[in-house]
Amino acid sequence: MVLQSVKNCLWMSCVLRTPKAYFWSTASGGLIIQSVSNDVYQNLAVEDWIHDHMDLEKQQVLFLWRNSPAVVIGRHQNPWQECNLRLLRQKNIKLARRRSGGGTVYHDLGNINLTFFTSRKKYERMENLKLVVKALKALRPQLDVRVTDRYDILLDRQYKISGTAAKLGRTNAYHHCTLLCNADKCVLSSVLKSPSKGLKSNATPSVPALVKNLFEEDPSLTSEMLLDAIAKEYAVQHQIDHHITLINPTDETLLPGISDKTKELQTWEWVYGKTPKFSISTCLNMVYKDSVLDVKVNMDVKHGRIEVCNIDLPEQWLPPGLYSELVKSLTGSKFCPNETTTLVTTLLRLCPQDDELHSRWSLLCENMIRLM
C-alpha cells in the first residue's frame, strides 16, 4: 500500500505538469481516481464536474471518496423528514443534497463511496454492484455478500452494507453506492431518525434497513483494503493498469469551475430550498406555570419558505397585535431556526416591558423554532 501511494503521488505530480486534456485521456478506456479531500461538498462537486465535462463514451471512470461526518439526502428528499437536524447542528455534522435520487445516507471515514461513470448507453448499475461483490469475495472468500433486486448489497442475507443511487443525464450517467466498513452505527441511527411530527410531503422517503459494518464480520478489514480491492477488480474488468490517481477537488487547473459547483452545493437554497412542497400540522404541548397549553400549528412550506402560517393560541395569551406580527413575519421567511430566531428577537422589541408577557413570548418562540 505504501509503495502504491508513492507511485500515485509521483504519477500525480507528473499529471499536474501536463495539460488538463492530457490528464483526462491518459488511460484509454478507464480511469480510477481518488479524492484527497474528506469534504462532502467538494466530493459531490467532483461528481458533477465529471458528469458535465467528460466524454464518457470514450472513457469510463471509477471515483473513490470518503467524507468526514455528513448526512447526504437524495435530490427529491425532505431533510426535516429524513434526519434529526437539531442533532446534526449539535454534533457539527454537515448536511448535503446530492443530484441523484435515492434515499438518505450517513457518511463518515468508516464509509466508502464509489461512483461509476459511463455514457448513458453503457450504464449498468447491477454490473457495478457485482464488481464490488466480486472484489469483496476476492479479498475475503468467506464473506456472504450478494446483490439484491433493489440494488443493495446484503451481508449474511439480512444486513445492508451498501445503498445505491444514480443520475442519468442526456449522454452521461453515473451510479454511486456506499460501502459500510467501520462507520459509527450509533451516530448513524440517531441522526437518521427525524423527530418531526405531523409532516406531510410527497418527497421521496427513505426505506429503513438493518445495517452492519464489514469490520464487525472481519476486524482485519480496513477502508483502505476495500478501496484497493475494488480498484483492482475494476482495473481487471476494464483491462487497465491497477493505478489509483489522487486528485484534489479544489484544483481549478485540473477541474475548471469546480469551486462554483462546490459553493452551490453548500447554499441554503440548494440544501433546503430544493425540498418539495410540504405541510406541517402539529400540536405544541407547552408547559407554562404548572399547566399544559395545547397550541395548534399549521404551515405550508414551499422552496423551504413558509407559504402559509396559522398558530392557534389560547385567547388573550398574547396581545393580538403581537400575534399578528409574528404570523406576518413568519409568512415568506425561511423555515429555518436561525432566521426565525432573528425575526422573533426583533419582534420582542415591540413587546411592552412585561416580564410575564416576555416569558410567554419566549416559550412560544422556542417551541416554534424546535419545529425547524
Protein backbone atom coordinates (compact mmCIF):
# COMPACT_ATOMS: atom_id res chain seq x y z
CA MET A 1 0.00 0.00 0.00
CA VAL A 2 2.88 2.41 0.84
CA LEU A 3 4.56 1.66 -2.49
CA GLN A 4 1.27 2.15 -4.30
CA SER A 5 0.73 5.51 -2.56
CA VAL A 6 4.22 6.64 -3.55
CA LYS A 7 3.53 5.64 -7.15
CA ASN A 8 0.22 7.50 -7.06
CA CYS A 9 1.88 10.69 -5.78
CA LEU A 10 4.69 10.51 -8.35
CA TRP A 11 2.22 9.95 -11.18
CA MET A 12 0.03 12.77 -9.90
CA SER A 13 2.95 15.22 -9.83
CA CYS A 14 3.61 14.31 -13.45
CA VAL A 15 -0.04 14.87 -14.35
CA LEU A 16 -0.14 18.32 -12.77
CA ARG A 17 2.72 19.44 -15.03
CA THR A 18 0.87 18.42 -18.17
CA PRO A 19 -2.18 19.92 -19.93
CA LYS A 20 -5.56 19.13 -18.42
CA ALA A 21 -6.73 17.42 -21.58
CA TYR A 22 -3.79 15.03 -21.33
CA PHE A 23 -4.67 14.15 -17.75
CA TRP A 24 -8.19 13.03 -18.61
CA SER A 25 -7.01 10.99 -21.60
CA THR A 26 -4.00 9.23 -20.08
CA ALA A 27 -5.84 5.94 -19.51
CA SER A 28 -7.79 4.94 -22.57
CA GLY A 29 -10.95 3.06 -21.73
CA GLY A 30 -10.85 3.56 -17.97
CA LEU A 31 -9.55 5.75 -15.19
CA ILE A 32 -9.50 5.23 -11.41
CA ILE A 33 -9.33 8.39 -9.31
CA GLN A 34 -9.45 9.02 -5.57
CA SER A 35 -10.16 12.28 -3.78
CA VAL A 36 -7.62 13.56 -1.25
CA SER A 37 -10.43 15.56 0.39
CA ASN A 38 -12.89 14.38 3.04
CA ASP A 39 -15.27 17.30 2.44
CA VAL A 40 -18.69 16.12 1.27
CA TYR A 41 -19.43 19.23 -0.80
CA GLN A 42 -16.10 19.09 -2.62
CA ASN A 43 -16.51 15.41 -3.43
CA LEU A 44 -20.09 15.80 -4.67
CA ALA A 45 -18.85 18.69 -6.83
CA VAL A 46 -16.30 16.35 -8.44
CA GLU A 47 -19.16 14.04 -9.40
CA ASP A 48 -20.97 16.94 -11.03
CA TRP A 49 -17.83 18.09 -12.83
CA ILE A 50 -17.04 14.68 -14.31
CA HIS A 51 -20.65 14.16 -15.36
CA ASP A 52 -20.82 17.59 -17.03
CA HIS A 53 -17.37 17.76 -18.65
CA MET A 54 -16.03 14.34 -19.59
CA ASP A 55 -16.64 12.35 -22.74
CA LEU A 56 -17.73 9.15 -21.04
CA GLU A 57 -18.37 7.46 -24.35
CA LYS A 58 -14.59 7.23 -24.76
CA GLN A 59 -13.52 6.79 -21.16
CA GLN A 60 -15.20 5.30 -18.09
CA VAL A 61 -14.24 6.47 -14.62
CA LEU A 62 -14.31 5.00 -11.12
CA PHE A 63 -14.25 7.70 -8.44
CA LEU A 64 -13.30 6.68 -4.88
CA TRP A 65 -14.01 9.04 -1.98
CA ARG A 66 -14.65 9.27 1.75
CA ASN A 67 -16.22 12.02 3.85
CA SER A 68 -15.94 13.37 7.34
CA PRO A 69 -19.28 13.01 9.21
CA ALA A 70 -22.14 14.11 6.94
CA VAL A 71 -25.73 13.23 6.10
CA VAL A 72 -26.47 13.17 2.39
CA ILE A 73 -30.05 13.30 1.13
CA GLY A 74 -31.35 12.45 -2.31
CA ARG A 75 -32.26 15.07 -4.91
CA HIS A 76 -36.01 14.87 -4.17
CA GLN A 77 -35.97 14.40 -0.40
CA ASN A 78 -37.09 16.43 2.60
CA PRO A 79 -34.34 16.99 5.22
CA TRP A 80 -36.86 17.69 8.00
CA GLN A 81 -38.44 14.32 7.24
CA GLU A 82 -35.21 12.37 6.80
CA CYS A 83 -32.95 13.35 9.68
CA ASN A 84 -32.61 15.00 13.07
CA LEU A 85 -31.49 18.47 12.03
CA ARG A 86 -31.05 19.72 15.59
CA LEU A 87 -28.74 16.80 16.38
CA LEU A 88 -26.76 17.46 13.20
CA ARG A 89 -26.21 21.05 14.32
CA GLN A 90 -25.23 19.97 17.82
CA LYS A 91 -22.71 17.43 16.52
CA ASN A 92 -21.48 19.72 13.74
CA ILE A 93 -22.37 17.12 11.12
CA LYS A 94 -22.79 18.52 7.62
CA LEU A 95 -25.97 18.12 5.60
CA ALA A 96 -25.72 17.84 1.81
CA ARG A 97 -28.17 17.27 -1.04
CA ARG A 98 -26.81 15.28 -3.96
CA ARG A 99 -28.04 15.48 -7.56
CA SER A 100 -29.01 11.82 -7.78
CA GLY A 101 -32.21 10.27 -6.46
CA GLY A 102 -32.46 7.58 -3.80
CA GLY A 103 -32.53 7.75 -0.04
CA THR A 104 -30.63 9.37 2.80
CA VAL A 105 -27.26 8.02 3.95
CA TYR A 106 -24.82 8.78 6.74
CA HIS A 107 -21.16 9.20 5.81
CA ASP A 108 -18.05 9.16 7.93
CA LEU A 109 -14.49 7.93 7.38
CA GLY A 110 -15.64 4.36 8.02
CA ASN A 111 -17.90 4.56 4.99
CA ILE A 112 -16.59 4.23 1.43
CA ASN A 113 -18.18 5.96 -1.55
CA LEU A 114 -17.84 4.62 -5.09
CA THR A 115 -19.03 6.40 -8.22
CA PHE A 116 -19.12 4.59 -11.57
CA PHE A 117 -19.20 6.98 -14.54
CA THR A 118 -20.20 5.80 -18.02
CA SER A 119 -22.10 7.04 -21.03
CA ARG A 120 -25.84 6.66 -20.65
CA LYS A 121 -25.76 3.82 -23.19
CA LYS A 122 -23.27 1.82 -21.10
CA TYR A 123 -24.93 2.50 -17.74
CA GLU A 124 -25.48 -0.74 -15.79
CA ARG A 125 -25.70 -0.50 -12.02
CA MET A 126 -26.17 -4.24 -11.45
CA GLU A 127 -22.82 -4.96 -13.10
CA ASN A 128 -21.16 -2.34 -10.92
CA LEU A 129 -22.53 -3.92 -7.75
CA LYS A 130 -21.49 -7.37 -8.89
CA LEU A 131 -17.99 -5.95 -9.37
CA VAL A 132 -17.99 -4.75 -5.75
CA VAL A 133 -19.17 -8.14 -4.51
CA LYS A 134 -16.53 -9.92 -6.58
CA ALA A 135 -13.84 -7.66 -5.10
CA LEU A 136 -15.06 -8.39 -1.56
CA LYS A 137 -15.09 -12.14 -2.21
CA ALA A 138 -11.58 -11.98 -3.64
CA LEU A 139 -10.43 -10.17 -0.52
CA ARG A 140 -12.31 -12.39 1.95
CA PRO A 141 -13.82 -15.52 0.31
CA GLN A 142 -15.76 -16.39 3.47
CA LEU A 143 -17.94 -13.26 3.28
CA ASP A 144 -21.59 -13.92 2.48
CA VAL A 145 -22.32 -10.89 0.32
CA ARG A 146 -24.82 -10.59 -2.52
CA VAL A 147 -26.71 -8.03 -4.61
CA THR A 148 -30.50 -7.73 -4.25
CA ASP A 149 -33.13 -6.82 -6.83
CA ARG A 150 -33.34 -3.41 -5.12
CA TYR A 151 -29.65 -2.81 -5.95
CA ASP A 152 -28.49 -3.11 -2.35
CA ILE A 153 -25.64 -5.30 -1.16
CA LEU A 154 -26.52 -7.54 1.78
CA LEU A 155 -24.22 -9.21 4.26
CA ASP A 156 -25.39 -12.55 5.68
CA ARG A 157 -28.62 -12.18 3.69
CA GLN A 158 -30.09 -9.54 6.03
CA TYR A 159 -27.71 -6.67 6.78
CA LYS A 160 -27.45 -3.82 4.33
CA ILE A 161 -23.84 -2.78 3.76
CA SER A 162 -24.40 -0.74 0.59
CA GLY A 163 -27.07 1.61 -0.69
CA THR A 164 -27.24 2.88 -4.24
CA ALA A 165 -28.41 5.87 -6.30
CA ALA A 166 -27.91 7.21 -9.81
CA LYS A 167 -28.12 10.18 -12.13
CA LEU A 168 -28.96 9.68 -15.79
CA GLY A 169 -28.12 12.65 -17.98
CA ARG A 170 -28.75 13.14 -21.67
CA THR A 171 -25.46 11.50 -22.73
CA ASN A 172 -23.60 10.73 -19.49
CA ALA A 173 -24.60 8.83 -16.37
CA TYR A 174 -23.26 7.81 -13.01
CA HIS A 175 -24.16 5.26 -10.40
CA HIS A 176 -22.82 5.71 -6.88
CA CYS A 177 -23.00 3.44 -3.87
CA THR A 178 -21.76 3.29 -0.32
CA LEU A 179 -19.94 0.51 1.49
CA LEU A 180 -20.01 0.25 5.28
CA CYS A 181 -16.63 -0.75 6.65
CA ASN A 182 -16.40 0.70 10.15
CA ALA A 183 -18.93 3.55 10.34
CA ASP A 184 -20.26 4.82 13.68
CA LYS A 185 -23.60 2.99 13.76
CA CYS A 186 -24.72 4.77 16.93
CA VAL A 187 -24.41 8.18 15.27
CA LEU A 188 -25.86 6.77 12.04
CA SER A 189 -29.05 5.55 13.71
CA SER A 190 -29.54 8.69 15.81
CA VAL A 191 -29.08 11.30 13.08
CA LEU A 192 -31.25 9.40 10.57
CA LYS A 193 -34.25 9.48 12.91
CA SER A 194 -36.43 12.54 12.37
CA PRO A 195 -38.28 13.96 15.40
CA SER A 196 -40.74 15.84 13.14
CA LYS A 197 -44.41 15.17 13.79
CA GLY A 198 -47.35 15.98 11.58
CA LEU A 199 -45.23 16.47 8.47
CA LYS A 200 -46.88 15.59 5.15
CA SER A 201 -44.87 15.51 1.97
CA ASN A 202 -44.66 13.92 -1.47
CA ALA A 203 -40.86 13.84 -1.16
CA THR A 204 -39.12 10.51 -1.72
CA PRO A 205 -38.97 8.72 1.66
CA SER A 206 -36.02 6.56 2.70
CA VAL A 207 -36.59 2.88 3.39
CA PRO A 208 -35.20 1.84 6.82
CA ALA A 209 -32.95 -1.23 6.89
CA LEU A 210 -30.79 -3.26 9.25
CA VAL A 211 -27.15 -2.34 8.71
CA LYS A 212 -23.84 -3.87 9.65
CA ASN A 213 -20.19 -2.97 9.21
CA LEU A 214 -17.88 -5.33 7.36
CA PHE A 215 -15.46 -4.69 10.22
CA GLU A 216 -17.91 -6.45 12.55
CA GLU A 217 -17.70 -9.54 10.37
CA ASP A 218 -13.92 -9.38 9.97
CA PRO A 219 -11.99 -6.93 12.22
CA SER A 220 -8.91 -7.23 9.99
CA LEU A 221 -10.65 -5.30 7.20
CA THR A 222 -9.90 -1.61 6.68
CA SER A 223 -11.34 1.02 4.37
CA GLU A 224 -8.02 1.23 2.55
CA MET A 225 -8.03 -2.52 1.87
CA LEU A 226 -11.57 -2.34 0.49
CA LEU A 227 -10.79 0.61 -1.75
CA ASP A 228 -7.72 -1.11 -3.14
CA ALA A 229 -9.57 -4.39 -3.76
CA ILE A 230 -12.38 -2.63 -5.63
CA ALA A 231 -9.91 -0.60 -7.69
CA LYS A 232 -8.03 -3.79 -8.56
CA GLU A 233 -11.20 -5.58 -9.72
CA TYR A 234 -12.26 -2.52 -11.73
CA ALA A 235 -8.85 -2.49 -13.42
CA VAL A 236 -9.11 -6.18 -14.28
CA GLN A 237 -12.59 -5.86 -15.75
CA HIS A 238 -11.67 -2.77 -17.80
CA GLN A 239 -8.26 -4.14 -18.80
CA ILE A 240 -6.34 -1.15 -17.46
CA ASP A 241 -3.42 -0.74 -15.06
CA HIS A 242 -4.29 -1.03 -11.37
CA HIS A 243 -3.43 2.61 -10.85
CA ILE A 244 -5.26 4.97 -8.48
CA THR A 245 -4.78 8.64 -9.32
CA LEU A 246 -5.13 11.08 -6.43
CA ILE A 247 -6.93 14.33 -7.20
CA ASN A 248 -7.56 17.49 -5.23
CA PRO A 249 -11.21 18.65 -5.60
CA THR A 250 -10.16 22.29 -5.11
CA ASP A 251 -7.73 22.30 -8.05
CA GLU A 252 -9.12 24.72 -10.63
CA THR A 253 -6.31 23.91 -13.10
CA LEU A 254 -7.46 20.30 -13.14
CA LEU A 255 -11.20 20.92 -12.70
CA PRO A 256 -12.07 24.35 -14.14
CA GLY A 257 -15.14 25.82 -12.44
CA ILE A 258 -15.11 23.29 -9.57
CA SER A 259 -15.21 25.96 -6.84
CA ASP A 260 -18.51 27.33 -8.17
CA LYS A 261 -20.03 23.85 -8.13
CA THR A 262 -18.83 23.34 -4.55
CA LYS A 263 -20.25 26.68 -3.39
CA GLU A 264 -23.64 25.95 -4.96
CA LEU A 265 -23.90 22.62 -3.12
CA GLN A 266 -23.36 24.43 0.20
CA THR A 267 -26.07 27.07 -0.25
CA TRP A 268 -29.25 27.07 1.80
CA GLU A 269 -31.19 27.40 -1.46
CA TRP A 270 -29.84 24.06 -2.68
CA VAL A 271 -29.74 22.04 0.56
CA TYR A 272 -33.11 23.20 1.93
CA GLY A 273 -34.73 25.30 -0.79
CA LYS A 274 -34.93 22.39 -3.24
CA THR A 275 -37.19 20.45 -0.86
CA PRO A 276 -40.52 19.51 -2.46
CA LYS A 277 -43.51 21.36 -1.01
CA PHE A 278 -44.68 20.03 2.36
CA SER A 279 -47.01 20.87 5.22
CA ILE A 280 -46.86 20.60 8.99
CA SER A 281 -49.91 20.13 11.18
CA THR A 282 -48.99 19.57 14.80
CA CYS A 283 -49.81 20.46 18.37
CA LEU A 284 -47.25 22.09 20.65
CA ASN A 285 -47.72 20.92 24.25
CA MET A 286 -46.23 23.89 26.07
CA VAL A 287 -45.74 23.73 29.83
CA TYR A 288 -46.38 27.10 31.46
CA LYS A 289 -46.80 27.68 35.21
CA ASP A 290 -47.65 24.08 36.04
CA SER A 291 -50.22 23.84 33.25
CA VAL A 292 -50.03 22.46 29.72
CA LEU A 293 -51.15 24.60 26.82
CA ASP A 294 -52.08 22.98 23.51
CA VAL A 295 -51.05 25.24 20.64
CA LYS A 296 -52.01 24.04 17.17
CA VAL A 297 -49.66 24.96 14.34
CA ASN A 298 -50.37 24.57 10.63
CA MET A 299 -47.85 25.55 7.98
CA ASP A 300 -47.32 25.09 4.27
CA VAL A 301 -43.71 25.25 3.18
CA LYS A 302 -42.60 25.72 -0.43
CA HIS A 303 -38.99 26.01 -1.63
CA GLY A 304 -38.02 25.92 2.04
CA ARG A 305 -40.03 29.06 2.84
CA ILE A 306 -43.20 29.36 4.92
CA GLU A 307 -46.06 30.00 2.50
CA VAL A 308 -48.99 29.72 4.93
CA CYS A 309 -48.79 30.03 8.72
CA ASN A 310 -51.54 29.57 11.31
CA ILE A 311 -50.94 29.41 15.06
CA ASP A 312 -53.97 28.67 17.24
CA LEU A 313 -53.19 30.30 20.60
CA PRO A 314 -55.37 30.42 23.71
CA GLU A 315 -57.39 33.63 23.76
CA GLN A 316 -55.59 36.61 25.29
CA TRP A 317 -52.39 34.63 25.77
CA LEU A 318 -50.56 37.17 23.62
CA PRO A 319 -51.67 40.67 22.56
CA PRO A 320 -53.48 40.34 19.18
CA GLY A 321 -51.14 42.83 17.55
CA LEU A 322 -48.03 40.89 18.55
CA TYR A 323 -49.56 37.61 17.39
CA SER A 324 -50.47 39.15 14.04
CA GLU A 325 -46.93 40.49 13.59
CA LEU A 326 -45.50 37.07 14.35
CA VAL A 327 -47.63 35.33 11.73
CA LYS A 328 -46.98 38.11 9.22
CA SER A 329 -43.21 37.95 9.76
CA LEU A 330 -43.04 34.14 9.53
CA THR A 331 -45.02 34.08 6.26
CA GLY A 332 -42.49 34.24 3.45
CA SER A 333 -39.49 33.62 5.70
CA LYS A 334 -37.18 30.61 5.58
CA PHE A 335 -38.27 27.55 7.56
CA CYS A 336 -35.02 27.91 9.44
CA PRO A 337 -34.16 28.25 13.15
CA ASN A 338 -31.56 30.97 12.58
CA GLU A 339 -33.84 33.20 10.53
CA THR A 340 -36.79 32.63 12.86
CA THR A 341 -34.63 33.46 15.90
CA THR A 342 -33.66 36.76 14.30
CA LEU A 343 -37.31 37.53 13.49
CA VAL A 344 -38.64 36.83 16.97
CA THR A 345 -35.80 38.75 18.61
CA THR A 346 -36.72 41.78 16.52
CA LEU A 347 -40.42 41.40 17.34
CA LEU A 348 -39.65 41.13 21.05
CA ARG A 349 -38.75 44.82 20.99
CA LEU A 350 -42.42 45.54 20.22
CA CYS A 351 -43.49 43.90 23.49
CA PRO A 352 -44.36 46.05 26.48
CA GLN A 353 -41.85 45.76 29.31
CA ASP A 354 -43.80 42.99 30.97
CA ASP A 355 -41.91 40.00 32.40
CA GLU A 356 -44.82 37.59 32.12
CA LEU A 357 -45.50 38.60 28.53
CA HIS A 358 -41.82 38.13 27.69
CA SER A 359 -41.89 34.67 29.26
CA ARG A 360 -44.92 33.64 27.22
CA TRP A 361 -43.39 35.04 24.04
CA SER A 362 -40.08 33.25 24.63
CA LEU A 363 -41.84 29.94 25.35
CA LEU A 364 -43.88 30.12 22.14
CA CYS A 365 -40.89 31.08 20.02
CA GLU A 366 -38.67 28.35 21.48
CA ASN A 367 -41.30 25.75 20.59
CA MET A 368 -41.76 27.16 17.07
CA ILE A 369 -38.00 27.02 16.47
CA ARG A 370 -37.93 23.40 17.65
CA LEU A 371 -40.13 22.52 14.66
CA MET A 372 -37.33 23.60 12.35
